[in-house]
Amino acid sequence: MPRLRWFPVSLALVMLALPRPASAPPRQAPGYAEITAPEPGSSIHGIVTVRGSANHPSFASYDLAFSYSEDATGTWFAIGPSVTSPVVDGALGLWDTSQISPGRYVLRLRVLLLTGAVLEAQVRDLRLGLPPAASSAAPATPTPALGPATATPPPLVVSPAEASTPGNPVGEALIIGGVMAAGGLVLFGGYITLQHALAVWLGGLRMRRVLRGPRSPRPPPS
């Protein structure tokens, strides 16, 4: 019986000695810790207005900071003091980038809760003094291709090389036509030349007959 009395006490001590499960981290939801502007990959300069939300049922405060994208030490530079008023889809703060060198940066928003937990949001690849990333540029408008029904066939153009190619009916027709035209010109020119030469020869022959005069009859033989 004495052992049975001590059993509940021992069980309670064992339960107290067991490690308790860690409390679940605060639920991250849209509107708790969110940056809507500037967007990742965008180009920034001068005074940048950081917009978004910093709100939670257990909200305590929030702060903004920036870091170099290539910095592996985890060094953050504060952007103004902590703010104790929640913000819902509004201006979170002003970031003066005129005093920092051009490069790529990371922007961070931290929302501190009354429980000690921290919610965080980051915007990466912010380009100070650099062109925006290719993904943030406007997509090119595709040019619609003409289908077979609407396509217009190109005009037929015969080049000299194609005209001289054996087996090409168009080329053969052009060659035959050219040869016939050249032959006709040669024949016509020869006919004109021959006619002129014949007229000159006949004229000379007539002129010689006129100059010689009529022949006198020969006397009969005695």
N, C-alpha and C. Protein backbone atom coordinates (compact mmCIF):
# COMPACT_ATOMS: atom_id res chain seq x y z
N MET A 1 0.81 -1.21 0.00
CA MET A 1 0.00 0.00 0.00
C MET A 1 0.85 1.27 0.00
N PRO A 2 1.95 1.37 0.82
CA PRO A 2 2.75 2.61 0.78
C PRO A 2 3.31 2.89 -0.61
N ARG A 3 3.66 1.80 -1.34
CA ARG A 3 4.21 2.02 -2.69
C ARG A 3 3.14 2.61 -3.61
N LEU A 4 1.90 2.17 -3.50
CA LEU A 4 0.85 2.68 -4.33
C LEU A 4 0.56 4.15 -4.05
N ARG A 5 0.74 4.58 -2.83
CA ARG A 5 0.51 5.98 -2.51
C ARG A 5 1.53 6.89 -3.18
N TRP A 6 2.77 6.43 -3.26
CA TRP A 6 3.82 7.25 -3.86
C TRP A 6 3.81 7.22 -5.39
N PHE A 7 3.02 6.31 -5.98
CA PHE A 7 3.02 6.21 -7.44
C PHE A 7 2.51 7.48 -8.13
N PRO A 8 1.39 8.11 -7.72
CA PRO A 8 0.97 9.36 -8.38
C PRO A 8 1.98 10.48 -8.26
N VAL A 9 2.65 10.52 -7.08
CA VAL A 9 3.65 11.57 -6.91
C VAL A 9 4.82 11.36 -7.86
N SER A 10 5.26 10.12 -7.99
CA SER A 10 6.38 9.83 -8.90
C SER A 10 6.00 10.12 -10.33
N LEU A 11 4.76 9.79 -10.73
CA LEU A 11 4.32 10.06 -12.09
C LEU A 11 4.29 11.56 -12.39
N ALA A 12 3.87 12.36 -11.41
CA ALA A 12 3.84 13.80 -11.60
C ALA A 12 5.24 14.37 -11.74
N LEU A 13 6.18 13.84 -10.95
CA LEU A 13 7.55 14.32 -11.07
C LEU A 13 8.15 13.97 -12.43
N VAL A 14 7.84 12.79 -12.93
CA VAL A 14 8.36 12.39 -14.24
C VAL A 14 7.79 13.28 -15.34
N MET A 15 6.51 13.61 -15.23
CA MET A 15 5.89 14.47 -16.24
C MET A 15 6.49 15.86 -16.24
N LEU A 16 6.82 16.35 -15.04
CA LEU A 16 7.44 17.66 -14.96
C LEU A 16 8.87 17.66 -15.50
N ALA A 17 9.55 16.53 -15.37
CA ALA A 17 10.93 16.45 -15.83
C ALA A 17 11.04 16.30 -17.34
N LEU A 18 10.00 15.83 -17.99
CA LEU A 18 10.05 15.67 -19.44
C LEU A 18 10.16 17.03 -20.14
N PRO A 19 10.96 17.12 -21.20
CA PRO A 19 11.08 18.40 -21.91
C PRO A 19 9.77 18.76 -22.61
N ARG A 20 9.41 20.01 -22.50
CA ARG A 20 8.19 20.49 -23.13
C ARG A 20 8.46 20.85 -24.59
N PRO A 21 7.50 20.58 -25.47
CA PRO A 21 7.71 20.97 -26.88
C PRO A 21 7.78 22.48 -27.03
N ALA A 22 8.66 22.89 -27.91
CA ALA A 22 8.82 24.33 -28.15
C ALA A 22 7.53 24.92 -28.70
N SER A 23 7.25 26.13 -28.27
CA SER A 23 6.04 26.78 -28.75
C SER A 23 6.16 27.10 -30.23
N ALA A 24 5.07 26.97 -30.94
CA ALA A 24 5.08 27.20 -32.38
C ALA A 24 5.40 28.66 -32.68
N PRO A 25 6.20 28.92 -33.70
CA PRO A 25 6.52 30.30 -34.05
C PRO A 25 5.26 31.03 -34.48
N PRO A 26 5.26 32.35 -34.37
CA PRO A 26 4.07 33.12 -34.77
C PRO A 26 3.78 32.92 -36.26
N ARG A 27 2.54 32.82 -36.55
CA ARG A 27 2.11 32.55 -37.91
C ARG A 27 2.36 33.78 -38.80
N GLN A 28 3.10 33.55 -39.90
CA GLN A 28 3.37 34.61 -40.86
C GLN A 28 2.25 34.61 -41.90
N ALA A 29 1.57 35.70 -42.02
CA ALA A 29 0.44 35.81 -42.94
C ALA A 29 0.55 37.11 -43.69
N PRO A 30 -0.09 37.21 -44.87
CA PRO A 30 -0.07 38.48 -45.60
C PRO A 30 -0.63 39.62 -44.76
N GLY A 31 0.08 40.73 -44.76
CA GLY A 31 -0.33 41.88 -43.98
C GLY A 31 0.34 41.97 -42.62
N TYR A 32 1.05 40.94 -42.18
CA TYR A 32 1.77 40.99 -40.91
C TYR A 32 3.13 41.67 -41.09
N ALA A 33 3.94 41.15 -42.01
CA ALA A 33 5.24 41.74 -42.34
C ALA A 33 5.41 41.60 -43.84
N GLU A 34 5.17 42.68 -44.58
CA GLU A 34 5.12 42.60 -46.03
C GLU A 34 5.59 43.92 -46.64
N ILE A 35 6.46 43.81 -47.68
CA ILE A 35 6.95 44.97 -48.45
C ILE A 35 6.39 44.85 -49.86
N THR A 36 5.64 45.84 -50.26
CA THR A 36 5.06 45.85 -51.61
C THR A 36 5.81 46.75 -52.58
N ALA A 37 6.60 47.68 -52.08
CA ALA A 37 7.40 48.57 -52.92
C ALA A 37 8.63 49.02 -52.12
N PRO A 38 9.79 49.02 -52.77
CA PRO A 38 10.09 48.67 -54.17
C PRO A 38 10.04 47.15 -54.40
N GLU A 39 9.96 46.77 -55.67
CA GLU A 39 9.85 45.37 -56.03
C GLU A 39 11.24 44.79 -56.29
N PRO A 40 11.39 43.46 -56.15
CA PRO A 40 12.70 42.83 -56.43
C PRO A 40 13.15 43.07 -57.87
N GLY A 41 14.43 43.38 -58.03
CA GLY A 41 15.00 43.61 -59.34
C GLY A 41 14.78 45.00 -59.90
N SER A 42 14.11 45.89 -59.16
CA SER A 42 13.83 47.22 -59.68
C SER A 42 15.03 48.14 -59.47
N SER A 43 15.06 49.22 -60.25
CA SER A 43 16.12 50.22 -60.14
C SER A 43 15.66 51.33 -59.20
N ILE A 44 16.51 51.72 -58.25
CA ILE A 44 16.15 52.74 -57.26
C ILE A 44 17.17 53.87 -57.31
N HIS A 45 16.76 55.04 -56.83
CA HIS A 45 17.66 56.18 -56.73
C HIS A 45 17.01 57.25 -55.85
N GLY A 46 17.85 58.09 -55.24
CA GLY A 46 17.35 59.20 -54.42
C GLY A 46 16.58 58.72 -53.20
N ILE A 47 15.48 59.41 -52.90
CA ILE A 47 14.63 59.07 -51.76
C ILE A 47 13.62 58.00 -52.20
N VAL A 48 13.69 56.83 -51.59
CA VAL A 48 12.82 55.70 -51.94
C VAL A 48 11.77 55.55 -50.84
N THR A 49 10.50 55.54 -51.22
CA THR A 49 9.41 55.32 -50.28
C THR A 49 9.15 53.82 -50.17
N VAL A 50 9.35 53.30 -48.97
CA VAL A 50 9.11 51.88 -48.71
C VAL A 50 7.66 51.72 -48.28
N ARG A 51 6.92 50.89 -49.01
CA ARG A 51 5.51 50.68 -48.73
C ARG A 51 5.25 49.22 -48.39
N GLY A 52 4.20 48.99 -47.61
CA GLY A 52 3.86 47.63 -47.22
C GLY A 52 3.00 47.62 -45.97
N SER A 53 3.11 46.54 -45.21
CA SER A 53 2.32 46.38 -43.98
C SER A 53 3.19 45.83 -42.87
N ALA A 54 2.97 46.35 -41.67
CA ALA A 54 3.62 45.86 -40.44
C ALA A 54 2.55 45.84 -39.36
N ASN A 55 1.92 44.69 -39.17
CA ASN A 55 0.76 44.61 -38.30
C ASN A 55 0.63 43.19 -37.75
N HIS A 56 0.09 43.06 -36.53
CA HIS A 56 -0.10 41.75 -35.91
C HIS A 56 -0.93 41.94 -34.65
N PRO A 57 -1.71 40.93 -34.25
CA PRO A 57 -2.45 41.08 -32.98
C PRO A 57 -1.55 41.33 -31.78
N SER A 58 -0.30 40.84 -31.85
CA SER A 58 0.66 41.07 -30.76
C SER A 58 1.76 42.05 -31.19
N PHE A 59 1.40 43.02 -32.01
CA PHE A 59 2.38 43.96 -32.54
C PHE A 59 3.00 44.80 -31.43
N ALA A 60 4.35 44.97 -31.53
CA ALA A 60 5.06 45.83 -30.59
C ALA A 60 5.73 46.99 -31.33
N SER A 61 6.50 46.69 -32.41
CA SER A 61 7.18 47.73 -33.19
C SER A 61 7.71 47.09 -34.47
N TYR A 62 8.22 47.95 -35.34
CA TYR A 62 8.88 47.45 -36.56
C TYR A 62 10.04 48.36 -36.89
N ASP A 63 10.99 47.84 -37.71
CA ASP A 63 12.13 48.62 -38.15
C ASP A 63 12.52 48.20 -39.55
N LEU A 64 13.22 49.10 -40.26
CA LEU A 64 13.71 48.86 -41.61
C LEU A 64 15.23 48.91 -41.61
N ALA A 65 15.86 48.11 -42.48
CA ALA A 65 17.31 48.08 -42.61
C ALA A 65 17.65 47.61 -44.01
N PHE A 66 18.92 47.89 -44.41
CA PHE A 66 19.39 47.44 -45.72
C PHE A 66 20.77 46.83 -45.57
N SER A 67 21.15 46.04 -46.58
CA SER A 67 22.46 45.39 -46.59
C SER A 67 22.91 45.22 -48.03
N TYR A 68 24.23 45.02 -48.22
CA TYR A 68 24.75 44.75 -49.55
C TYR A 68 24.39 43.32 -49.96
N SER A 69 24.05 43.13 -51.23
CA SER A 69 23.68 41.79 -51.70
C SER A 69 24.85 40.82 -51.62
N GLU A 70 26.08 41.32 -51.85
CA GLU A 70 27.25 40.45 -51.84
C GLU A 70 27.88 40.33 -50.45
N ASP A 71 27.29 40.92 -49.42
CA ASP A 71 27.87 40.88 -48.08
C ASP A 71 27.49 39.57 -47.40
N ALA A 72 28.50 38.76 -47.09
CA ALA A 72 28.26 37.47 -46.43
C ALA A 72 28.38 37.57 -44.91
N THR A 73 28.65 38.76 -44.36
CA THR A 73 28.81 38.89 -42.91
C THR A 73 27.49 39.14 -42.20
N GLY A 74 26.43 39.42 -42.95
CA GLY A 74 25.14 39.67 -42.32
C GLY A 74 25.06 41.02 -41.63
N THR A 75 25.76 42.03 -42.17
CA THR A 75 25.75 43.37 -41.58
C THR A 75 24.56 44.14 -42.15
N TRP A 76 23.75 44.72 -41.25
CA TRP A 76 22.57 45.49 -41.64
C TRP A 76 22.72 46.93 -41.15
N PHE A 77 22.24 47.86 -41.97
CA PHE A 77 22.27 49.27 -41.64
C PHE A 77 20.84 49.76 -41.46
N ALA A 78 20.58 50.36 -40.29
CA ALA A 78 19.21 50.77 -39.95
C ALA A 78 18.77 51.93 -40.83
N ILE A 79 17.48 51.93 -41.19
CA ILE A 79 16.86 53.03 -41.92
C ILE A 79 15.90 53.71 -40.94
N GLY A 80 16.42 54.68 -40.22
CA GLY A 80 15.58 55.38 -39.26
C GLY A 80 15.37 54.58 -37.98
N PRO A 81 14.70 55.17 -36.99
CA PRO A 81 14.45 54.48 -35.71
C PRO A 81 13.28 53.50 -35.83
N SER A 82 13.10 52.70 -34.78
CA SER A 82 11.97 51.78 -34.73
C SER A 82 10.66 52.55 -34.63
N VAL A 83 9.60 51.98 -35.19
CA VAL A 83 8.27 52.61 -35.20
C VAL A 83 7.34 51.74 -34.37
N THR A 84 6.59 52.38 -33.47
CA THR A 84 5.71 51.65 -32.56
C THR A 84 4.25 51.66 -33.00
N SER A 85 3.96 52.18 -34.17
CA SER A 85 2.60 52.22 -34.68
C SER A 85 2.48 51.25 -35.85
N PRO A 86 1.49 50.37 -35.85
CA PRO A 86 1.34 49.44 -36.97
C PRO A 86 0.93 50.17 -38.25
N VAL A 87 1.25 49.57 -39.37
CA VAL A 87 0.93 50.12 -40.68
C VAL A 87 0.27 49.01 -41.50
N VAL A 88 -0.82 49.35 -42.17
CA VAL A 88 -1.52 48.40 -43.04
C VAL A 88 -1.57 49.00 -44.45
N ASP A 89 -0.82 48.40 -45.35
CA ASP A 89 -0.78 48.81 -46.76
C ASP A 89 -0.56 50.32 -46.88
N GLY A 90 0.56 50.78 -46.35
CA GLY A 90 0.87 52.20 -46.38
C GLY A 90 2.38 52.41 -46.43
N ALA A 91 2.80 53.64 -46.16
CA ALA A 91 4.21 53.99 -46.17
C ALA A 91 4.86 53.53 -44.86
N LEU A 92 5.89 52.71 -45.00
CA LEU A 92 6.62 52.23 -43.84
C LEU A 92 7.78 53.15 -43.47
N GLY A 93 8.34 53.87 -44.43
CA GLY A 93 9.46 54.75 -44.15
C GLY A 93 10.07 55.26 -45.43
N LEU A 94 11.04 56.17 -45.29
CA LEU A 94 11.77 56.76 -46.41
C LEU A 94 13.22 56.31 -46.35
N TRP A 95 13.73 55.84 -47.46
CA TRP A 95 15.10 55.34 -47.55
C TRP A 95 15.89 56.30 -48.43
N ASP A 96 16.85 57.02 -47.84
CA ASP A 96 17.70 57.97 -48.57
C ASP A 96 18.91 57.22 -49.11
N THR A 97 18.92 56.99 -50.44
CA THR A 97 20.02 56.25 -51.07
C THR A 97 21.07 57.16 -51.69
N SER A 98 20.96 58.46 -51.48
CA SER A 98 21.89 59.39 -52.13
C SER A 98 23.29 59.34 -51.52
N GLN A 99 23.43 58.78 -50.33
CA GLN A 99 24.73 58.76 -49.67
C GLN A 99 25.42 57.41 -49.73
N ILE A 100 24.86 56.45 -50.47
CA ILE A 100 25.49 55.13 -50.57
C ILE A 100 25.91 54.90 -52.02
N SER A 101 26.89 54.04 -52.18
CA SER A 101 27.47 53.82 -53.50
C SER A 101 26.56 52.93 -54.35
N PRO A 102 26.66 53.06 -55.68
CA PRO A 102 25.83 52.21 -56.56
C PRO A 102 26.14 50.73 -56.36
N GLY A 103 25.15 49.93 -56.56
CA GLY A 103 25.31 48.49 -56.40
C GLY A 103 23.97 47.81 -56.20
N ARG A 104 24.02 46.56 -55.77
CA ARG A 104 22.81 45.78 -55.52
C ARG A 104 22.63 45.62 -54.02
N TYR A 105 21.39 45.81 -53.54
CA TYR A 105 21.11 45.84 -52.11
C TYR A 105 19.91 44.96 -51.77
N VAL A 106 19.80 44.68 -50.45
CA VAL A 106 18.68 43.92 -49.88
C VAL A 106 17.99 44.81 -48.85
N LEU A 107 16.68 44.89 -48.93
CA LEU A 107 15.88 45.68 -47.98
C LEU A 107 15.16 44.73 -47.05
N ARG A 108 15.15 45.05 -45.74
CA ARG A 108 14.56 44.16 -44.74
C ARG A 108 13.56 44.90 -43.86
N LEU A 109 12.45 44.23 -43.57
CA LEU A 109 11.44 44.71 -42.62
C LEU A 109 11.31 43.67 -41.51
N ARG A 110 11.44 44.14 -40.25
CA ARG A 110 11.24 43.27 -39.09
C ARG A 110 10.07 43.80 -38.26
N VAL A 111 9.17 42.89 -37.90
CA VAL A 111 8.03 43.22 -37.03
C VAL A 111 8.25 42.49 -35.71
N LEU A 112 8.45 43.24 -34.62
CA LEU A 112 8.67 42.67 -33.30
C LEU A 112 7.33 42.54 -32.58
N LEU A 113 7.10 41.37 -31.98
CA LEU A 113 5.85 41.09 -31.28
C LEU A 113 6.05 41.18 -29.77
N LEU A 114 4.95 41.31 -29.04
CA LEU A 114 5.01 41.39 -27.57
C LEU A 114 5.54 40.11 -26.96
N THR A 115 5.41 39.00 -27.67
CA THR A 115 5.91 37.71 -27.17
C THR A 115 7.41 37.56 -27.33
N GLY A 116 8.06 38.52 -28.00
CA GLY A 116 9.49 38.42 -28.26
C GLY A 116 9.81 37.83 -29.62
N ALA A 117 8.82 37.31 -30.31
CA ALA A 117 9.05 36.76 -31.64
C ALA A 117 9.23 37.88 -32.66
N VAL A 118 9.82 37.54 -33.79
CA VAL A 118 10.11 38.51 -34.84
C VAL A 118 9.62 37.96 -36.18
N LEU A 119 8.85 38.76 -36.89
CA LEU A 119 8.45 38.44 -38.26
C LEU A 119 9.33 39.26 -39.20
N GLU A 120 9.68 38.69 -40.33
CA GLU A 120 10.64 39.35 -41.22
C GLU A 120 10.22 39.19 -42.67
N ALA A 121 10.49 40.23 -43.45
CA ALA A 121 10.29 40.21 -44.91
C ALA A 121 11.47 40.92 -45.56
N GLN A 122 11.91 40.41 -46.70
CA GLN A 122 13.05 40.98 -47.42
C GLN A 122 12.72 41.16 -48.89
N VAL A 123 13.34 42.20 -49.50
CA VAL A 123 13.28 42.44 -50.93
C VAL A 123 14.71 42.45 -51.44
N ARG A 124 15.04 41.53 -52.35
CA ARG A 124 16.41 41.37 -52.82
C ARG A 124 16.60 41.97 -54.22
N ASP A 125 17.87 42.09 -54.58
CA ASP A 125 18.29 42.56 -55.90
C ASP A 125 17.74 43.93 -56.23
N LEU A 126 17.81 44.85 -55.27
CA LEU A 126 17.47 46.25 -55.53
C LEU A 126 18.70 46.91 -56.14
N ARG A 127 18.54 47.58 -57.29
CA ARG A 127 19.68 48.06 -58.07
C ARG A 127 19.77 49.58 -57.97
N LEU A 128 20.77 50.04 -57.24
CA LEU A 128 21.01 51.47 -57.08
C LEU A 128 21.99 51.93 -58.15
N GLY A 129 21.54 52.85 -59.02
CA GLY A 129 22.39 53.34 -60.10
C GLY A 129 22.65 52.31 -61.17
N LEU A 130 21.85 51.25 -61.25
CA LEU A 130 22.00 50.19 -62.25
C LEU A 130 20.67 50.01 -62.97
N PRO A 131 20.72 49.48 -64.20
CA PRO A 131 19.45 49.23 -64.91
C PRO A 131 18.67 48.13 -64.22
N PRO A 132 17.34 48.13 -64.37
CA PRO A 132 16.53 47.08 -63.73
C PRO A 132 16.83 45.72 -64.32
N ALA A 133 16.46 44.69 -63.57
CA ALA A 133 16.66 43.33 -64.04
C ALA A 133 15.80 43.07 -65.26
N ALA A 134 16.23 42.09 -66.06
CA ALA A 134 15.50 41.79 -67.30
C ALA A 134 14.10 41.32 -67.03
N SER A 135 13.89 40.62 -65.89
CA SER A 135 12.56 40.09 -65.59
C SER A 135 11.56 41.18 -65.30
N SER A 136 12.04 42.38 -64.84
CA SER A 136 11.12 43.46 -64.53
C SER A 136 10.80 44.33 -65.72
N ALA A 137 11.50 44.10 -66.86
CA ALA A 137 11.21 44.87 -68.07
C ALA A 137 9.93 44.37 -68.70
N ALA A 138 9.30 45.25 -69.49
CA ALA A 138 8.05 44.89 -70.13
C ALA A 138 8.31 43.83 -71.19
N PRO A 139 7.51 42.78 -71.27
CA PRO A 139 7.73 41.73 -72.27
C PRO A 139 7.47 42.25 -73.67
N ALA A 140 8.24 41.76 -74.60
CA ALA A 140 8.07 42.17 -75.99
C ALA A 140 6.77 41.60 -76.54
N THR A 141 6.10 42.40 -77.37
CA THR A 141 4.84 41.97 -77.96
C THR A 141 5.13 41.02 -79.10
N PRO A 142 4.62 39.78 -79.05
CA PRO A 142 4.91 38.84 -80.14
C PRO A 142 4.24 39.27 -81.42
N THR A 143 4.92 39.03 -82.53
CA THR A 143 4.38 39.37 -83.85
C THR A 143 3.59 38.19 -84.38
N PRO A 144 2.30 38.37 -84.67
CA PRO A 144 1.52 37.22 -85.16
C PRO A 144 2.00 36.78 -86.53
N ALA A 145 2.09 35.47 -86.69
CA ALA A 145 2.53 34.91 -87.96
C ALA A 145 1.33 34.72 -88.87
N LEU A 146 1.54 34.95 -90.18
CA LEU A 146 0.48 34.77 -91.15
C LEU A 146 0.27 33.30 -91.42
N GLY A 147 -0.95 32.87 -91.42
CA GLY A 147 -1.27 31.48 -91.69
C GLY A 147 -1.20 31.20 -93.18
N PRO A 148 -1.36 29.92 -93.56
CA PRO A 148 -1.29 29.58 -94.98
C PRO A 148 -2.36 30.26 -95.80
N ALA A 149 -3.58 30.51 -95.21
CA ALA A 149 -4.67 31.09 -95.98
C ALA A 149 -4.45 32.56 -96.28
N THR A 150 -3.74 33.27 -95.40
CA THR A 150 -3.55 34.71 -95.57
C THR A 150 -2.19 35.07 -96.12
N ALA A 151 -1.31 34.09 -96.28
CA ALA A 151 0.04 34.40 -96.77
C ALA A 151 -0.01 34.74 -98.24
N THR A 152 0.72 35.75 -98.67
CA THR A 152 0.79 36.19 -100.06
C THR A 152 2.07 35.67 -100.68
N PRO A 153 2.00 34.90 -101.78
CA PRO A 153 3.23 34.37 -102.37
C PRO A 153 4.09 35.48 -102.91
N PRO A 154 5.40 35.39 -102.80
CA PRO A 154 6.29 36.44 -103.31
C PRO A 154 6.30 36.44 -104.83
N PRO A 155 6.58 37.61 -105.46
CA PRO A 155 6.65 37.67 -106.94
C PRO A 155 7.80 36.85 -107.47
N LEU A 156 7.59 36.32 -108.67
CA LEU A 156 8.61 35.50 -109.32
C LEU A 156 9.69 36.39 -109.91
N VAL A 157 10.91 36.21 -109.45
CA VAL A 157 12.05 36.98 -109.94
C VAL A 157 13.05 35.99 -110.50
N VAL A 158 13.41 36.14 -111.76
CA VAL A 158 14.34 35.24 -112.42
C VAL A 158 15.68 35.92 -112.49
N SER A 159 16.67 35.35 -111.85
CA SER A 159 18.02 35.89 -111.89
C SER A 159 18.76 35.33 -113.08
N PRO A 160 19.86 36.00 -113.52
CA PRO A 160 20.64 35.47 -114.66
C PRO A 160 21.14 34.07 -114.43
N ALA A 161 21.52 33.76 -113.16
CA ALA A 161 22.02 32.41 -112.87
C ALA A 161 20.93 31.38 -113.08
N GLU A 162 19.70 31.71 -112.64
CA GLU A 162 18.59 30.79 -112.81
C GLU A 162 18.21 30.66 -114.27
N ALA A 163 18.33 31.80 -115.03
CA ALA A 163 17.96 31.76 -116.43
C ALA A 163 18.88 30.86 -117.24
N SER A 164 20.15 30.76 -116.81
CA SER A 164 21.11 29.95 -117.53
C SER A 164 21.17 28.53 -117.03
N THR A 165 20.38 28.19 -116.05
CA THR A 165 20.41 26.84 -115.50
C THR A 165 19.72 25.88 -116.45
N PRO A 166 20.32 24.76 -116.83
CA PRO A 166 19.68 23.81 -117.74
C PRO A 166 18.43 23.25 -117.10
N GLY A 167 17.42 23.02 -117.96
CA GLY A 167 16.18 22.44 -117.47
C GLY A 167 15.19 23.44 -116.96
N ASN A 168 15.53 24.72 -116.95
CA ASN A 168 14.61 25.75 -116.49
C ASN A 168 13.85 26.27 -117.70
N PRO A 169 12.52 26.06 -117.78
CA PRO A 169 11.78 26.50 -118.98
C PRO A 169 11.82 28.00 -119.18
N VAL A 170 11.76 28.76 -118.09
CA VAL A 170 11.82 30.22 -118.23
C VAL A 170 13.16 30.66 -118.79
N GLY A 171 14.23 30.07 -118.28
CA GLY A 171 15.56 30.42 -118.78
C GLY A 171 15.75 30.04 -120.23
N GLU A 172 15.26 28.84 -120.59
CA GLU A 172 15.39 28.42 -121.98
C GLU A 172 14.63 29.36 -122.91
N ALA A 173 13.42 29.78 -122.50
CA ALA A 173 12.65 30.70 -123.35
C ALA A 173 13.38 32.02 -123.53
N LEU A 174 13.97 32.52 -122.46
CA LEU A 174 14.71 33.78 -122.55
C LEU A 174 15.92 33.64 -123.47
N ILE A 175 16.62 32.52 -123.37
CA ILE A 175 17.82 32.32 -124.20
C ILE A 175 17.43 32.23 -125.67
N ILE A 176 16.38 31.42 -125.98
CA ILE A 176 15.96 31.26 -127.38
C ILE A 176 15.51 32.60 -127.96
N GLY A 177 14.72 33.35 -127.17
CA GLY A 177 14.28 34.65 -127.64
C GLY A 177 15.44 35.60 -127.93
N GLY A 178 16.44 35.57 -127.05
CA GLY A 178 17.60 36.43 -127.27
C GLY A 178 18.38 36.06 -128.51
N VAL A 179 18.54 34.73 -128.73
CA VAL A 179 19.29 34.28 -129.92
C VAL A 179 18.55 34.66 -131.20
N MET A 180 17.21 34.48 -131.21
CA MET A 180 16.45 34.82 -132.41
C MET A 180 16.50 36.32 -132.68
N ALA A 181 16.41 37.14 -131.63
CA ALA A 181 16.48 38.58 -131.85
C ALA A 181 17.83 39.00 -132.39
N ALA A 182 18.90 38.40 -131.85
CA ALA A 182 20.24 38.75 -132.33
C ALA A 182 20.41 38.32 -133.79
N GLY A 183 19.91 37.10 -134.14
CA GLY A 183 20.02 36.64 -135.53
C GLY A 183 19.25 37.53 -136.50
N GLY A 184 18.05 37.98 -136.06
CA GLY A 184 17.29 38.87 -136.92
C GLY A 184 18.00 40.19 -137.17
N LEU A 185 18.63 40.71 -136.13
CA LEU A 185 19.37 41.96 -136.31
C LEU A 185 20.55 41.77 -137.26
N VAL A 186 21.23 40.62 -137.14
CA VAL A 186 22.38 40.36 -138.02
C VAL A 186 21.93 40.24 -139.47
N LEU A 187 20.83 39.50 -139.71
CA LEU A 187 20.33 39.33 -141.08
C LEU A 187 19.87 40.66 -141.66
N PHE A 188 19.17 41.44 -140.87
CA PHE A 188 18.68 42.72 -141.36
C PHE A 188 19.85 43.65 -141.71
N GLY A 189 20.87 43.68 -140.84
CA GLY A 189 22.03 44.52 -141.12
C GLY A 189 22.78 44.05 -142.36
N GLY A 190 22.90 42.71 -142.52
CA GLY A 190 23.58 42.20 -143.72
C GLY A 190 22.82 42.51 -145.00
N TYR A 191 21.48 42.41 -144.90
CA TYR A 191 20.67 42.72 -146.11
C TYR A 191 20.83 44.19 -146.51
N ILE A 192 20.80 45.09 -145.53
CA ILE A 192 20.96 46.51 -145.85
C ILE A 192 22.32 46.78 -146.47
N THR A 193 23.37 46.17 -145.91
CA THR A 193 24.73 46.38 -146.42
C THR A 193 24.87 45.82 -147.84
N LEU A 194 24.33 44.60 -148.05
CA LEU A 194 24.43 43.98 -149.37
C LEU A 194 23.65 44.77 -150.42
N GLN A 195 22.46 45.28 -150.05
CA GLN A 195 21.67 46.06 -150.99
C GLN A 195 22.39 47.35 -151.38
N HIS A 196 23.01 47.99 -150.41
CA HIS A 196 23.74 49.22 -150.69
C HIS A 196 24.94 48.94 -151.60
N ALA A 197 25.67 47.85 -151.35
CA ALA A 197 26.83 47.51 -152.17
C ALA A 197 26.41 47.17 -153.60
N LEU A 198 25.27 46.42 -153.72
CA LEU A 198 24.80 46.06 -155.05
C LEU A 198 24.37 47.30 -155.83
N ALA A 199 23.72 48.25 -155.16
CA ALA A 199 23.30 49.47 -155.85
C ALA A 199 24.51 50.27 -156.30
N VAL A 200 25.54 50.33 -155.47
CA VAL A 200 26.76 51.05 -155.85
C VAL A 200 27.43 50.40 -157.06
N TRP A 201 27.47 49.05 -157.07
CA TRP A 201 28.14 48.35 -158.18
C TRP A 201 27.38 48.55 -159.50
N LEU A 202 26.06 48.44 -159.43
CA LEU A 202 25.26 48.65 -160.64
C LEU A 202 25.40 50.09 -161.15
N GLY A 203 25.44 51.06 -160.23
CA GLY A 203 25.61 52.44 -160.66
C GLY A 203 26.95 52.67 -161.34
N GLY A 204 27.99 52.05 -160.79
CA GLY A 204 29.31 52.20 -161.42
C GLY A 204 29.36 51.56 -162.79
N LEU A 205 28.68 50.41 -162.92
CA LEU A 205 28.68 49.72 -164.21
C LEU A 205 27.97 50.58 -165.28
N ARG A 206 26.88 51.17 -164.96
CA ARG A 206 26.17 52.03 -165.90
C ARG A 206 26.99 53.26 -166.26
N MET A 207 27.68 53.81 -165.28
CA MET A 207 28.51 54.98 -165.54
C MET A 207 29.62 54.66 -166.53
N ARG A 208 30.24 53.48 -166.44
CA ARG A 208 31.31 53.11 -167.36
C ARG A 208 30.77 52.93 -168.79
N ARG A 209 29.59 52.40 -168.93
CA ARG A 209 29.00 52.23 -170.24
C ARG A 209 28.71 53.59 -170.90
N VAL A 210 28.25 54.51 -170.07
CA VAL A 210 27.97 55.83 -170.61
C VAL A 210 29.24 56.52 -171.08
N LEU A 211 30.30 56.40 -170.30
CA LEU A 211 31.55 57.05 -170.66
C LEU A 211 32.18 56.42 -171.90
N ARG A 212 32.03 55.17 -172.11
CA ARG A 212 32.64 54.51 -173.28
C ARG A 212 31.91 54.91 -174.59
N GLY A 213 30.66 55.15 -174.51
CA GLY A 213 29.89 55.50 -175.70
C GLY A 213 29.63 54.29 -176.56
N PRO A 214 28.89 54.52 -177.72
CA PRO A 214 28.62 53.39 -178.62
C PRO A 214 29.85 53.01 -179.43
N ARG A 215 30.03 51.71 -179.62
CA ARG A 215 31.16 51.23 -180.38
C ARG A 215 30.92 51.42 -181.92
N SER A 216 32.00 51.85 -182.62
CA SER A 216 31.91 52.01 -184.11
C SER A 216 31.99 50.64 -184.76
N PRO A 217 31.24 50.45 -185.91
CA PRO A 217 31.32 49.13 -186.58
C PRO A 217 32.66 48.90 -187.24
N ARG A 218 33.10 47.69 -187.18
CA ARG A 218 34.36 47.33 -187.82
C ARG A 218 34.18 47.26 -189.34
N PRO A 219 35.24 47.71 -190.10
CA PRO A 219 35.15 47.60 -191.58
C PRO A 219 35.18 46.15 -192.03
N PRO A 220 34.47 45.89 -193.14
CA PRO A 220 34.49 44.51 -193.64
C PRO A 220 35.88 44.14 -194.15
N PRO A 221 36.17 42.96 -194.08
CA PRO A 221 37.51 42.54 -194.58
C PRO A 221 37.56 42.64 -196.10
N SER A 222 38.72 43.05 -196.61
CA SER A 222 38.90 43.19 -198.04
C SER A 222 39.26 41.85 -198.65
